């Protein structure tokens, strides 16, 4: 059985992808066990000797921070917190993102700065290892104090409440715990706060979206190259000399990749070329490259966040201090995920323009890429679909991070709205995948009209497998089926992670 040991080792996109794809079981390292145990013992010794109030441990929460709680009510205080904060609404969070939430919460608690019981962390790992996934709702978080409502729903099954997905069914957590002979966890002081304060909802969505965004970035280059050849585009715009004088990393990388994909194309070697192509072709390096640079920034932000302690207050045993701070505030994530939405939306924007150019009846291609246009509408309407998704993305890409609504009687007077940034980004990702699938349909169809000339060996090999799924359109048929088949093809296409994350 393959295992991943939770320890001080840094999580990154590769390790997370490996854990999820290979279905590795989680286990705490000896270092992590020691950190958790020592932190818990330190906290409870502190509670027994400290006369002053410690926020969230023997006080109320939020604007109720001045309400002192008696020592015999501390456990009830934590359970009340979990139940009262479980106020999520909207769609259920996808299961693969809930798995990420569990993994990231376990990682954050393992550092020994949270004061939780070892038993609590081990139960979260049992949920992950047995694929017991709490039912979490996608709306309700302000992104500070962390993701309170989503993380409350993630935590409810620990105390035998809420619902979980298990063995293909949505069922009560109490029923599942009983069937496995597990007793509900009796939360100790601070545990509810440690579980609910944190950015694991935003971060899980961010990691999921970023992995898909890297794939989208690669697909955009590949499909853009196919479209460029189908359009009989001028390759001069990809000459290294152009890009070395404006050496943005992403721009240079994109130009190199397009040249590599189209190497030895018979179409590309033709001398009869337009002096200039429309921007959607000519400026692929500049536009796609800027998105690559954005992915690099977002990756750095998420890597820091997934290896951070984001609950409150934080426990520092060596310094003998318990400090109430604001690591739960999601502003770094909110800004990064808004930026990611904008960058990925732009890949959809330029993709739709290339699809439009291909059906416009120029460069020797028939209108709407079909024989007998008029009798056949061909690929007229898929462009409408792509345009509608591009327009919707412009709404989704409006930043959530510039908004803030006061909560908790003014105590929490600035929030990040990072959870909205995260869920909007998820929708942008899905839309752009579909837009690229439509462009691929158009580009594949257009290349038929370039025969007997061939594209590059790489493109021809790629299209051979693609056309087994979405064949040439000789006359009108139900194209929704082709769009879905094209989308499924992209989503299941395997790309080496060393290419994706470089």
Protein backbone atom coordinates (compact mmCIF):
# COMPACT_ATOMS: atom_id res chain seq x y z
CA UNK A 1 0.00 0.00 0.00
CA UNK A 2 1.40 3.38 -1.04
CA UNK A 3 1.57 5.96 1.72
CA UNK A 4 2.26 9.65 2.06
CA UNK A 5 3.73 10.73 5.38
CA UNK A 6 2.46 14.04 6.72
CA UNK A 7 5.52 15.84 8.01
CA UNK A 8 7.47 19.04 7.69
CA UNK A 9 8.22 18.19 4.03
CA UNK A 10 6.89 20.77 1.61
CA UNK A 11 3.71 19.97 -0.31
CA UNK A 12 3.74 21.03 -3.95
CA UNK A 13 1.54 20.48 -7.00
CA UNK A 14 3.41 17.35 -8.04
CA UNK A 15 3.16 15.70 -4.64
CA UNK A 16 -0.52 16.59 -4.28
CA UNK A 17 -1.30 15.27 -7.75
CA UNK A 18 0.56 12.04 -6.95
CA UNK A 19 -1.29 11.57 -3.65
CA UNK A 20 -4.66 11.98 -5.34
CA UNK A 21 -3.99 10.08 -8.57
CA UNK A 22 -2.27 7.13 -6.90
CA UNK A 23 -4.78 7.14 -4.03
CA UNK A 24 -2.05 7.14 -1.43
CA UNK A 25 -2.97 6.67 2.21
CA UNK A 26 -1.98 9.36 4.66
CA UNK A 27 0.06 8.65 7.74
CA UNK A 28 1.59 10.98 10.29
CA UNK A 29 5.36 10.99 10.59
CA UNK A 30 6.85 10.61 14.06
CA UNK A 31 7.84 14.29 13.88
CA UNK A 32 4.24 15.33 13.17
CA UNK A 33 2.89 13.14 15.97
CA UNK A 34 5.33 14.67 18.41
CA UNK A 35 4.49 18.22 17.29
CA UNK A 36 0.74 17.67 17.69
CA UNK A 37 1.04 15.92 21.07
CA UNK A 38 3.41 18.46 22.58
CA UNK A 39 1.28 21.37 21.39
CA UNK A 40 -1.88 19.85 22.90
CA UNK A 41 -0.17 19.19 26.23
CA UNK A 42 1.33 22.67 26.33
CA UNK A 43 -2.04 24.30 25.64
CA UNK A 44 -3.87 22.43 28.38
CA UNK A 45 -1.14 23.09 30.89
CA UNK A 46 -1.41 26.76 29.96
CA UNK A 47 -5.18 26.77 30.40
CA UNK A 48 -4.89 25.28 33.88
CA UNK A 49 -2.35 27.86 35.03
CA UNK A 50 -3.24 30.99 33.03
CA UNK A 51 -5.53 33.45 34.79
CA UNK A 52 -6.00 35.76 31.81
CA UNK A 53 -8.46 35.13 28.97
CA UNK A 54 -7.12 33.43 25.84
CA UNK A 55 -9.17 34.22 22.74
CA UNK A 56 -11.26 31.33 21.41
CA UNK A 57 -10.06 28.98 24.12
CA UNK A 58 -11.86 30.32 27.18
CA UNK A 59 -13.71 33.20 25.48
CA UNK A 60 -16.48 33.60 22.95
CA UNK A 61 -15.77 34.15 19.27
CA UNK A 62 -15.73 37.16 16.96
CA UNK A 63 -17.34 40.16 18.61
CA UNK A 64 -18.03 37.94 21.66
CA UNK A 65 -14.32 37.83 22.45
CA UNK A 66 -14.89 39.57 25.82
CA UNK A 67 -17.25 36.83 27.08
CA UNK A 68 -15.30 34.61 29.49
CA UNK A 69 -16.27 30.93 29.42
CA UNK A 70 -16.00 28.77 32.53
CA UNK A 71 -13.57 25.83 32.42
CA UNK A 72 -16.35 23.21 32.64
CA UNK A 73 -17.91 24.58 29.40
CA UNK A 74 -14.82 24.65 27.19
CA UNK A 75 -15.61 21.40 25.35
CA UNK A 76 -19.23 22.44 24.78
CA UNK A 77 -17.98 25.81 23.52
CA UNK A 78 -16.01 24.09 20.74
CA UNK A 79 -18.85 21.78 19.70
CA UNK A 80 -21.29 24.72 19.69
CA UNK A 81 -18.87 26.59 17.45
CA UNK A 82 -18.81 23.82 14.84
CA UNK A 83 -22.58 23.43 14.82
CA UNK A 84 -23.46 27.13 14.80
CA UNK A 85 -21.01 27.93 12.00
CA UNK A 86 -22.26 25.18 9.67
CA UNK A 87 -24.34 27.63 7.62
CA UNK A 88 -23.24 26.74 4.09
CA UNK A 89 -25.66 26.98 1.18
CA UNK A 90 -25.57 26.48 -2.58
CA UNK A 91 -24.14 23.60 -4.57
CA UNK A 92 -22.23 20.79 -2.92
CA UNK A 93 -18.45 21.10 -3.27
CA UNK A 94 -17.04 18.50 -5.72
CA UNK A 95 -15.64 15.42 -3.98
CA UNK A 96 -12.12 15.84 -5.36
CA UNK A 97 -11.96 19.31 -3.82
CA UNK A 98 -13.24 18.00 -0.46
CA UNK A 99 -10.39 15.46 -0.53
CA UNK A 100 -7.99 18.34 -1.01
CA UNK A 101 -9.60 20.22 1.88
CA UNK A 102 -9.01 17.24 4.18
CA UNK A 103 -5.40 16.86 3.05
CA UNK A 104 -4.64 20.55 3.49
CA UNK A 105 -6.32 20.77 6.90
CA UNK A 106 -4.34 17.76 8.13
CA UNK A 107 -1.12 19.32 6.84
CA UNK A 108 -1.84 22.63 8.58
CA UNK A 109 -2.65 20.95 11.92
CA UNK A 110 0.46 18.76 11.79
CA UNK A 111 2.94 21.58 12.52
CA UNK A 112 2.08 21.77 16.22
CA UNK A 113 0.89 25.37 16.27
CA UNK A 114 -2.82 24.59 16.74
CA UNK A 115 -3.19 22.71 20.03
CA UNK A 116 -5.47 19.93 18.75
CA UNK A 117 -5.71 16.33 19.93
CA UNK A 118 -3.78 13.70 18.03
CA UNK A 119 -7.04 11.74 17.87
CA UNK A 120 -8.73 14.55 15.94
CA UNK A 121 -6.04 14.67 13.24
CA UNK A 122 -6.03 10.89 13.00
CA UNK A 123 -9.80 10.86 12.45
CA UNK A 124 -9.45 13.39 9.63
CA UNK A 125 -6.86 11.05 8.10
CA UNK A 126 -9.24 8.11 8.47
CA UNK A 127 -11.86 10.09 6.56
CA UNK A 128 -9.33 10.70 3.79
CA UNK A 129 -8.00 7.13 3.74
CA UNK A 130 -11.46 5.50 3.73
CA UNK A 131 -12.86 8.01 1.22
CA UNK A 132 -15.41 9.32 3.72
CA UNK A 133 -16.03 12.78 2.33
CA UNK A 134 -18.02 15.35 4.32
CA UNK A 135 -20.81 17.14 2.47
CA UNK A 136 -19.60 20.73 2.15
CA UNK A 137 -21.47 23.61 0.51
CA UNK A 138 -19.88 26.05 -1.90
CA UNK A 139 -21.33 29.30 -0.54
CA UNK A 140 -21.11 30.98 2.84
CA UNK A 141 -17.46 31.90 3.35
CA UNK A 142 -16.24 35.51 3.48
CA UNK A 143 -12.62 34.40 3.25
CA UNK A 144 -11.95 35.70 6.80
CA UNK A 145 -11.93 34.47 9.56
CA UNK A 146 -10.89 31.87 7.06
CA UNK A 147 -13.49 29.61 5.49
CA UNK A 148 -15.71 29.29 8.55
CA UNK A 149 -18.89 27.83 7.05
CA UNK A 150 -17.27 25.33 4.63
CA UNK A 151 -14.80 24.15 7.26
CA UNK A 152 -17.60 23.76 9.78
CA UNK A 153 -19.33 21.35 7.39
CA UNK A 154 -15.98 19.57 6.85
CA UNK A 155 -15.70 19.18 10.65
CA UNK A 156 -19.28 18.19 11.55
CA UNK A 157 -18.71 14.45 10.91
CA UNK A 158 -15.93 14.46 13.51
CA UNK A 159 -18.59 14.99 16.17
CA UNK A 160 -21.06 12.61 14.52
CA UNK A 161 -23.14 15.29 12.81
CA UNK A 162 -23.74 16.41 9.25
CA UNK A 163 -23.55 14.22 6.17
CA UNK A 164 -20.86 12.39 4.23
CA UNK A 165 -20.43 10.67 0.89
CA UNK A 166 -19.40 7.07 1.54
CA UNK A 167 -19.51 3.98 -0.67
CA UNK A 168 -21.37 5.82 -3.39
CA UNK A 169 -24.13 7.18 -1.13
CA UNK A 170 -24.85 10.44 0.65
CA UNK A 171 -25.72 9.53 4.22
CA UNK A 172 -25.63 10.78 7.78
CA UNK A 173 -22.22 10.91 9.40
CA UNK A 174 -23.63 9.35 12.57
CA UNK A 175 -24.75 6.28 10.62
CA UNK A 176 -21.36 5.87 8.92
CA UNK A 177 -19.42 6.26 12.18
CA UNK A 178 -21.64 3.68 13.86
CA UNK A 179 -21.20 1.21 10.98
CA UNK A 180 -17.41 1.46 11.37
CA UNK A 181 -17.49 1.27 15.16
CA UNK A 182 -16.07 4.78 15.52
CA UNK A 183 -17.15 7.05 18.34
CA UNK A 184 -17.61 10.78 17.69
CA UNK A 185 -14.65 12.92 18.73
CA UNK A 186 -15.09 14.85 21.97
CA UNK A 187 -13.59 18.19 21.03
CA UNK A 188 -11.21 19.73 23.54
CA UNK A 189 -10.42 23.39 24.14
CA UNK A 190 -9.57 25.36 20.97
CA UNK A 191 -10.20 22.43 18.62
CA UNK A 192 -13.33 23.82 17.04
CA UNK A 193 -11.54 27.08 16.34
CA UNK A 194 -8.50 25.27 14.93
CA UNK A 195 -10.75 23.29 12.61
CA UNK A 196 -12.85 26.24 11.40
CA UNK A 197 -10.24 28.98 11.18
CA UNK A 198 -8.17 28.38 8.07
CA UNK A 199 -8.07 28.85 4.33
CA UNK A 200 -8.40 25.23 3.23
CA UNK A 201 -11.59 25.79 1.18
CA UNK A 202 -9.99 28.60 -0.84
CA UNK A 203 -6.69 26.78 -1.10
CA UNK A 204 -8.24 23.48 -2.20
CA UNK A 205 -10.20 25.22 -4.94
CA UNK A 206 -7.06 27.13 -5.86
CA UNK A 207 -4.88 24.02 -6.13
CA UNK A 208 -7.53 22.22 -8.16
CA UNK A 209 -7.99 25.18 -10.49
CA UNK A 210 -4.25 25.76 -10.86
CA UNK A 211 -3.56 22.16 -11.91
CA UNK A 212 -6.33 22.44 -14.51
CA UNK A 213 -5.05 25.87 -15.52
CA UNK A 214 -1.62 24.46 -16.33
CA UNK A 215 -3.30 21.90 -18.58
CA UNK A 216 -5.39 24.61 -20.21
CA UNK A 217 -2.24 26.64 -20.83
CA UNK A 218 -0.66 23.69 -22.63
CA UNK A 219 -3.85 22.95 -24.59
CA UNK A 220 -4.08 26.59 -25.64
CA UNK A 221 -0.57 26.41 -27.13
CA UNK A 222 -1.23 23.10 -28.85
CA UNK A 223 -4.65 24.02 -30.24
CA UNK A 224 -3.48 27.53 -31.11
CA UNK A 225 -0.66 25.98 -33.14
CA UNK A 226 -3.12 23.71 -34.98
CA UNK A 227 -5.30 26.74 -35.75
CA UNK A 228 -2.28 28.73 -36.90
CA UNK A 229 -1.37 26.06 -39.45
CA UNK A 230 -5.00 25.61 -40.51
CA UNK A 231 -5.16 29.38 -41.10
CA UNK A 232 -1.93 29.20 -43.15
CA UNK A 233 -0.37 31.60 -40.69
CA UNK A 234 2.93 33.43 -41.01
CA UNK A 235 5.58 31.90 -38.77
CA UNK A 236 7.79 34.98 -38.68
CA UNK A 237 5.98 36.25 -35.58
CA UNK A 238 7.42 33.28 -33.65
CA UNK A 239 11.05 33.87 -34.63
CA UNK A 240 13.29 33.88 -31.52
CA UNK A 241 14.73 37.22 -32.57
CA UNK A 242 11.33 38.86 -31.94
CA UNK A 243 11.12 37.52 -28.40
CA UNK A 244 14.68 37.93 -27.21
CA UNK A 245 14.22 41.70 -27.35
CA UNK A 246 11.18 41.44 -25.05
CA UNK A 247 12.18 38.44 -22.97
CA UNK A 248 9.21 37.81 -20.71
CA UNK A 249 9.62 34.21 -19.60
CA UNK A 250 6.15 33.07 -20.66
CA UNK A 251 6.34 34.82 -24.02
CA UNK A 252 9.67 33.20 -24.90
CA UNK A 253 8.45 29.78 -23.76
CA UNK A 254 5.25 30.04 -25.80
CA UNK A 255 7.04 31.00 -29.01
CA UNK A 256 9.47 28.11 -28.55
CA UNK A 257 6.61 25.67 -27.98
CA UNK A 258 4.66 26.78 -31.06
CA UNK A 259 7.75 26.35 -33.25
CA UNK A 260 8.37 22.92 -31.73
CA UNK A 261 4.77 21.78 -32.29
CA UNK A 262 4.76 22.92 -35.93
CA UNK A 263 8.27 21.73 -36.80
CA UNK A 264 8.43 20.29 -40.36
CA UNK A 265 4.88 21.29 -41.23
CA UNK A 266 4.33 21.22 -45.00
CA UNK A 267 1.77 23.99 -44.65
CA UNK A 268 4.16 26.12 -42.62
CA UNK A 269 6.84 25.82 -45.29
CA UNK A 270 4.60 27.30 -48.00
CA UNK A 271 5.96 30.57 -49.35
CA UNK A 272 2.60 32.20 -50.07
CA UNK A 273 1.79 33.81 -46.76
CA UNK A 274 0.03 36.97 -45.67
CA UNK A 275 2.47 39.63 -44.49
CA UNK A 276 0.61 39.82 -41.18
CA UNK A 277 -1.95 37.69 -39.38
CA UNK A 278 -4.70 38.88 -37.03
CA UNK A 279 -3.58 39.42 -33.45
CA UNK A 280 -5.27 36.21 -32.25
CA UNK A 281 -2.61 34.32 -34.24
CA UNK A 282 0.32 36.73 -34.40
CA UNK A 283 0.23 37.58 -30.68
CA UNK A 284 -0.14 34.05 -29.30
CA UNK A 285 3.28 34.29 -27.55
CA UNK A 286 2.44 37.60 -25.92
CA UNK A 287 -1.05 36.61 -24.73
CA UNK A 288 -0.47 32.97 -23.81
CA UNK A 289 2.88 33.95 -22.32
CA UNK A 290 1.37 36.50 -19.97
CA UNK A 291 -0.94 33.78 -18.66
CA UNK A 292 2.04 31.49 -18.07
CA UNK A 293 3.70 34.20 -16.01
CA UNK A 294 0.50 34.59 -14.00
CA UNK A 295 0.40 30.84 -13.32
CA UNK A 296 3.94 31.12 -11.97
CA UNK A 297 2.87 33.82 -9.51
CA UNK A 298 -0.27 31.94 -8.42
CA UNK A 299 1.75 28.74 -7.99
CA UNK A 300 4.15 30.52 -5.64
CA UNK A 301 1.26 31.90 -3.57
CA UNK A 302 -0.53 28.57 -3.30
CA UNK A 303 2.64 26.65 -2.46
CA UNK A 304 3.22 28.98 0.47
CA UNK A 305 -0.40 28.71 1.60
CA UNK A 306 -0.67 24.92 1.43
CA UNK A 307 2.35 24.66 3.75
CA UNK A 308 1.17 27.26 6.27
CA UNK A 309 -0.61 27.42 9.61
CA UNK A 310 -3.78 29.43 9.06
CA UNK A 311 -5.87 28.97 12.20
CA UNK A 312 -6.00 31.29 15.20
CA UNK A 313 -4.68 31.79 17.83
CA UNK A 314 -1.26 30.31 17.10
CA UNK A 315 0.70 28.37 19.70
CA UNK A 316 4.47 28.84 20.03
CA UNK A 317 5.73 26.37 22.62
CA UNK A 318 9.41 27.31 22.51
CA UNK A 319 8.59 30.97 23.05
CA UNK A 320 5.89 30.12 25.63
CA UNK A 321 3.35 32.29 23.82
CA UNK A 322 -0.17 31.98 22.45
CA UNK A 323 -0.79 34.79 19.97
CA UNK A 324 -4.06 35.90 18.40
CA UNK A 325 -3.28 37.04 14.87
CA UNK A 326 -4.84 36.99 11.42
CA UNK A 327 -3.33 34.14 9.39
CA UNK A 328 -6.85 33.05 8.46
CA UNK A 329 -7.30 36.14 6.28
CA UNK A 330 -7.56 35.03 2.66
CA UNK A 331 -6.32 38.18 0.94
CA UNK A 332 -3.23 36.56 -0.65
CA UNK A 333 -5.46 33.85 -2.11
CA UNK A 334 -8.24 36.22 -3.13
CA UNK A 335 -5.87 38.37 -5.18
CA UNK A 336 -4.10 35.36 -6.70
CA UNK A 337 -7.32 33.57 -7.66
CA UNK A 338 -8.83 36.72 -9.16
CA UNK A 339 -5.64 37.10 -11.18
CA UNK A 340 -5.85 33.43 -12.23
CA UNK A 341 -9.46 33.89 -13.38
CA UNK A 342 -8.48 36.88 -15.51
CA UNK A 343 -5.47 35.10 -17.01
CA UNK A 344 -7.39 31.93 -17.92
CA UNK A 345 -10.37 33.91 -19.22
CA UNK A 346 -7.98 35.60 -21.66
CA UNK A 347 -6.96 32.23 -23.09
CA UNK A 348 -10.65 31.63 -23.79
CA UNK A 349 -11.03 35.11 -25.26
CA UNK A 350 -8.23 34.72 -27.80
CA UNK A 351 -9.24 31.11 -28.54
CA UNK A 352 -12.75 32.17 -29.55
CA UNK A 353 -11.24 34.80 -31.88
CA UNK A 354 -9.15 32.16 -33.64
CA UNK A 355 -12.21 29.92 -33.98
CA UNK A 356 -14.09 32.87 -35.49
CA UNK A 357 -11.31 33.61 -37.99
CA UNK A 358 -11.28 29.98 -39.16
CA UNK A 359 -15.00 30.00 -40.08
CA UNK A 360 -14.94 33.42 -41.76
CA UNK A 361 -14.35 32.19 -45.31
CA UNK A 362 -10.87 33.67 -45.70
CA UNK A 363 -7.42 32.22 -46.47
CA UNK A 364 -8.90 29.76 -48.96
CA UNK A 365 -11.20 28.11 -46.40
CA UNK A 366 -14.95 27.73 -47.06
CA UNK A 367 -17.43 29.68 -44.97
CA UNK A 368 -18.18 27.84 -41.73
CA UNK A 369 -15.75 25.07 -42.75
CA UNK A 370 -18.30 22.93 -44.55
CA UNK A 371 -19.12 21.89 -48.09
CA UNK A 372 -22.23 23.48 -49.57
CA UNK A 373 -22.51 26.38 -47.09
CA UNK A 374 -26.09 27.59 -47.13
CA UNK A 375 -27.56 24.13 -47.30
CA UNK A 376 -25.23 23.33 -44.40
CA UNK A 377 -24.57 25.74 -41.53
CA UNK A 378 -21.43 23.82 -40.60
CA UNK A 379 -19.51 25.29 -37.69
CA UNK A 380 -21.47 28.54 -37.55
CA UNK A 381 -23.16 28.02 -34.19
CA UNK A 382 -20.35 26.49 -32.10
CA UNK A 383 -18.74 29.93 -32.36
CA UNK A 384 -21.92 31.40 -30.84
CA UNK A 385 -21.54 28.98 -27.94
CA UNK A 386 -17.90 29.93 -27.47
CA UNK A 387 -18.80 33.63 -27.60
CA UNK A 388 -21.45 33.19 -24.90
CA UNK A 389 -18.93 31.49 -22.62
CA UNK A 390 -16.36 34.22 -23.26
CA UNK A 391 -18.95 36.83 -22.32
CA UNK A 392 -19.88 34.96 -19.15
CA UNK A 393 -16.22 34.72 -18.20
CA UNK A 394 -15.92 38.50 -18.36
CA UNK A 395 -18.50 38.60 -15.57
CA UNK A 396 -16.83 35.83 -13.57
CA UNK A 397 -13.42 37.51 -13.95
CA UNK A 398 -14.64 40.66 -12.18
CA UNK A 399 -12.49 40.62 -9.01
CA UNK A 400 -14.15 39.51 -5.78
CA UNK A 401 -11.16 40.67 -3.76
CA UNK A 402 -12.04 44.34 -4.13
CA UNK A 403 -15.21 43.77 -2.09
CA UNK A 404 -15.63 43.57 1.68
CA UNK A 405 -18.73 43.47 3.89
CA UNK A 406 -18.50 44.08 7.63
CA UNK A 407 -19.44 41.11 9.84
CA UNK A 408 -19.52 40.06 13.50
CA UNK A 409 -20.72 43.40 14.83
CA UNK A 410 -17.79 45.21 13.24
CA UNK A 411 -15.06 43.06 14.81
CA UNK A 412 -14.43 41.43 11.44
CA UNK A 413 -14.57 44.67 9.49
CA UNK A 414 -12.50 43.69 6.44
CA UNK A 415 -12.80 40.34 4.71
CA UNK A 416 -11.17 38.96 1.56
CA UNK A 417 -14.13 37.38 -0.27
CA UNK A 418 -11.50 34.87 -1.43
CA UNK A 419 -13.99 32.02 -1.39
CA UNK A 420 -15.98 33.80 -4.09
CA UNK A 421 -12.73 34.33 -6.01
CA UNK A 422 -12.14 30.57 -5.77
CA UNK A 423 -15.57 29.38 -6.88
CA UNK A 424 -15.68 31.92 -9.75
CA UNK A 425 -12.28 30.71 -10.92
CA UNK A 426 -13.63 27.15 -11.03
CA UNK A 427 -16.39 28.29 -13.40
CA UNK A 428 -13.93 30.17 -15.63
CA UNK A 429 -11.77 27.04 -15.87
CA UNK A 430 -14.74 24.93 -17.00
CA UNK A 431 -15.81 27.51 -19.59
CA UNK A 432 -12.35 27.87 -21.10
CA UNK A 433 -11.95 24.12 -21.44
CA UNK A 434 -15.13 24.13 -23.54
CA UNK A 435 -14.01 27.13 -25.62
CA UNK A 436 -10.73 25.36 -26.45
CA UNK A 437 -12.63 22.18 -27.32
CA UNK A 438 -14.64 24.20 -29.85
CA UNK A 439 -11.51 25.76 -31.32
CA UNK A 440 -9.99 22.29 -31.69
CA UNK A 441 -13.09 21.18 -33.61
CA UNK A 442 -12.72 24.13 -35.96
CA UNK A 443 -8.97 23.70 -36.45
CA UNK A 444 -9.24 19.98 -37.12
CA UNK A 445 -12.02 20.59 -39.65
CA UNK A 446 -10.08 23.41 -41.35
CA UNK A 447 -7.01 21.23 -41.89
CA UNK A 448 -9.06 18.87 -44.07
CA UNK A 449 -9.34 21.71 -46.57
CA UNK A 450 -5.52 22.05 -46.68
CA UNK A 451 -5.05 18.50 -47.97
CA UNK A 452 -3.02 17.03 -49.53
CA UNK A 453 -0.63 19.31 -47.61
CA UNK A 454 0.05 18.05 -44.12
CA UNK A 455 0.71 19.80 -40.86
CA UNK A 456 3.68 18.77 -38.70
CA UNK A 457 4.21 15.12 -37.74
CA UNK A 458 3.36 16.04 -34.14
CA UNK A 459 0.06 17.69 -35.09
CA UNK A 460 -0.88 14.93 -37.52
CA UNK A 461 -0.30 12.30 -34.83
CA UNK A 462 -2.34 14.31 -32.32
CA UNK A 463 -5.22 14.80 -34.76
CA UNK A 464 -5.28 11.14 -35.75
CA UNK A 465 -6.43 10.18 -32.25
CA UNK A 466 -8.68 13.24 -31.94
CA UNK A 467 -10.47 12.50 -35.22
CA UNK A 468 -11.32 9.01 -34.01
CA UNK A 469 -13.47 10.82 -31.43
CA UNK A 470 -14.65 13.82 -33.47
CA UNK A 471 -14.63 12.89 -37.18
CA UNK A 472 -14.81 15.19 -40.18
CA UNK A 473 -18.14 16.99 -40.57
CA UNK A 474 -19.35 16.29 -44.12
CA UNK A 475 -22.81 17.72 -43.56
CA UNK A 476 -24.86 19.11 -40.68
CA UNK A 477 -25.35 16.91 -37.62
CA UNK A 478 -26.04 17.47 -33.91
CA UNK A 479 -22.88 19.34 -32.96
CA UNK A 480 -23.56 19.42 -29.21
CA UNK A 481 -22.44 15.80 -29.19
CA UNK A 482 -19.21 16.70 -30.99
CA UNK A 483 -18.52 19.58 -28.60
CA UNK A 484 -18.94 17.27 -25.62
CA UNK A 485 -16.78 14.59 -27.23
CA UNK A 486 -14.09 17.18 -27.95
CA UNK A 487 -14.26 18.42 -24.34
CA UNK A 488 -14.06 14.88 -22.93
CA UNK A 489 -11.06 14.20 -25.16
CA UNK A 490 -9.17 17.19 -23.72
CA UNK A 491 -10.11 16.39 -20.12
CA UNK A 492 -8.86 12.82 -20.42
CA UNK A 493 -5.73 13.62 -22.43
CA UNK A 494 -2.60 12.82 -20.46
CA UNK A 495 0.14 15.46 -20.27
CA UNK A 496 3.46 14.88 -18.53
CA UNK A 497 3.60 16.97 -15.36
CA UNK A 498 7.20 17.90 -16.10
CA UNK A 499 5.88 19.71 -19.16
CA UNK A 500 2.92 21.25 -17.33
CA UNK A 501 4.63 22.70 -14.28
CA UNK A 502 7.94 23.80 -15.82
